[in-house]
Amino acid sequence: MAADETAQQPRRRGRPPGSKSTTGTRRRLDGHELTQQLNGMVAELIKENRKLKRQVEKLTTRGAKAASGAVERSLRTIQRRVQKALGTPKRRKRRTTAAAPTARKRATPTTRKRRKAT
């Protein structure tokens, strides 16, 4: 029965009940109130600007440290390459981990004949 009742009621469109429009008239501020409100907003913006400037300064110093670390690393690699180029060439060692070649499977007699023919 509950399904029958909901099927008969049409769906509501628009705003839900109890919500009112916010596009009504606003009270206009007089000159004194308006300047106080604007001064408060300006003070808040100045405070936020100072905070952001401190963050930028902190991040740039941190970035400079990271960049100097990268520069040091690249200088070390260049120095190592120069020393390697100036030094005597080292003899290459034979690899000990190389696997022994596997024995090839012997070809069938017919395959051997074909190879000989060409």
Protein backbone atom coordinates (compact mmCIF):
# COMPACT_ATOMS: atom_id res chain seq x y z
CA MET A 1 0.00 0.00 0.00
CA ALA A 2 2.84 2.41 0.73
CA ALA A 3 4.14 1.99 -2.80
CA ASP A 4 0.72 2.89 -4.21
CA GLU A 5 0.57 6.11 -2.18
CA THR A 6 4.00 7.31 -3.32
CA ALA A 7 3.21 6.49 -6.93
CA GLN A 8 0.10 8.69 -6.85
CA GLN A 9 1.80 11.77 -5.34
CA PRO A 10 3.54 13.91 -7.94
CA ARG A 11 7.19 14.82 -7.37
CA ARG A 12 7.77 18.23 -5.87
CA ARG A 13 9.80 20.67 -7.88
CA GLY A 14 11.66 23.73 -6.73
CA ARG A 15 13.00 24.52 -3.26
CA PRO A 16 12.31 22.29 -0.30
CA PRO A 17 9.75 23.63 2.16
CA GLY A 18 11.10 26.09 4.71
CA SER A 19 13.88 27.49 2.54
CA LYS A 20 13.48 31.16 1.87
CA SER A 21 14.91 33.30 -0.84
CA THR A 22 18.02 35.24 0.13
CA THR A 23 17.56 37.84 -2.59
CA GLY A 24 15.56 40.10 -0.28
CA THR A 25 16.43 43.68 0.54
CA ARG A 26 19.51 44.37 2.62
CA ARG A 27 19.88 47.10 5.15
CA ARG A 28 22.13 49.81 3.76
CA LEU A 29 25.07 50.76 5.93
CA ASP A 30 25.62 54.39 6.74
CA GLY A 31 29.01 56.02 6.17
CA HIS A 32 30.47 55.32 9.62
CA GLU A 33 29.49 51.62 9.66
CA LEU A 34 30.69 51.18 6.10
CA THR A 35 34.14 52.63 6.86
CA GLN A 36 34.45 50.43 9.96
CA GLN A 37 33.57 47.35 7.97
CA LEU A 38 36.04 48.26 5.20
CA ASN A 39 38.80 49.02 7.75
CA GLY A 40 38.28 45.61 9.30
CA MET A 41 38.50 43.92 5.90
CA VAL A 42 41.65 45.86 4.99
CA ALA A 43 43.29 44.95 8.33
CA GLU A 44 42.48 41.29 7.73
CA LEU A 45 43.96 41.43 4.22
CA ILE A 46 47.14 43.09 5.52
CA LYS A 47 47.51 40.39 8.18
CA GLU A 48 47.06 37.64 5.60
CA ASN A 49 49.53 39.35 3.25
CA ARG A 50 52.20 39.41 6.00
CA LYS A 51 51.60 35.74 6.72
CA LEU A 52 51.91 34.84 3.04
CA LYS A 53 55.12 36.87 2.69
CA ARG A 54 56.64 34.96 5.63
CA GLN A 55 55.66 31.66 3.99
CA VAL A 56 57.20 32.72 0.67
CA GLU A 57 60.43 33.73 2.39
CA LYS A 58 60.61 30.46 4.29
CA LEU A 59 59.97 28.40 1.16
CA THR A 60 62.55 30.28 -0.91
CA THR A 61 65.25 29.69 1.72
CA ARG A 62 64.28 26.02 1.88
CA GLY A 63 64.34 25.86 -1.92
CA ALA A 64 67.77 27.46 -2.01
CA LYS A 65 69.08 24.80 0.37
CA ALA A 66 67.64 22.04 -1.81
CA ALA A 67 69.09 23.66 -4.92
CA SER A 68 72.53 23.96 -3.31
CA GLY A 69 72.38 20.25 -2.49
CA ALA A 70 71.64 19.44 -6.11
CA VAL A 71 74.50 21.68 -7.25
CA GLU A 72 76.90 19.94 -4.84
CA ARG A 73 75.82 16.53 -6.12
CA SER A 74 76.33 17.53 -9.75
CA LEU A 75 79.75 19.01 -8.94
CA ARG A 76 80.79 15.76 -7.27
CA THR A 77 79.78 13.76 -10.34
CA ILE A 78 81.69 16.12 -12.63
CA GLN A 79 84.74 15.86 -10.38
CA ARG A 80 84.52 12.05 -10.40
CA ARG A 81 84.28 12.01 -14.20
CA VAL A 82 87.31 14.31 -14.55
CA GLN A 83 89.37 12.17 -12.18
CA LYS A 84 88.32 9.07 -14.08
CA ALA A 85 89.30 10.66 -17.40
CA LEU A 86 92.70 11.79 -16.10
CA GLY A 87 93.52 8.52 -14.37
CA THR A 88 94.99 5.45 -16.03
CA PRO A 89 92.46 3.24 -17.72
CA LYS A 90 91.62 0.25 -15.57
CA ARG A 91 91.69 -3.24 -16.96
CA ARG A 92 88.26 -4.65 -17.26
CA LYS A 93 87.53 -7.65 -15.14
CA ARG A 94 85.94 -10.65 -16.70
CA ARG A 95 82.43 -11.22 -15.54
CA THR A 96 82.15 -14.15 -13.23
CA THR A 97 78.38 -14.21 -13.17
CA ALA A 98 77.97 -14.96 -16.88
CA ALA A 99 76.29 -18.28 -17.45
CA ALA A 100 78.01 -20.90 -19.54
CA PRO A 101 76.52 -21.20 -23.02
CA THR A 102 74.01 -23.99 -23.29
CA ALA A 103 74.76 -26.84 -25.68
CA ARG A 104 72.84 -26.57 -28.90
CA LYS A 105 70.46 -29.28 -29.83
CA ARG A 106 71.84 -31.32 -32.67
CA ALA A 107 69.99 -30.88 -35.92
CA THR A 108 68.16 -33.79 -37.47
CA PRO A 109 69.78 -35.56 -40.41
CA THR A 110 67.29 -34.06 -42.88
CA THR A 111 68.03 -30.55 -41.62
CA ARG A 112 71.79 -31.17 -41.95
CA LYS A 113 71.32 -32.33 -45.53
CA ARG A 114 69.33 -29.21 -46.37
CA ARG A 115 72.00 -26.97 -44.88
CA LYS A 116 74.76 -28.69 -46.81
CA ALA A 117 72.81 -28.31 -50.03
CA THR A 118 72.69 -24.51 -49.76
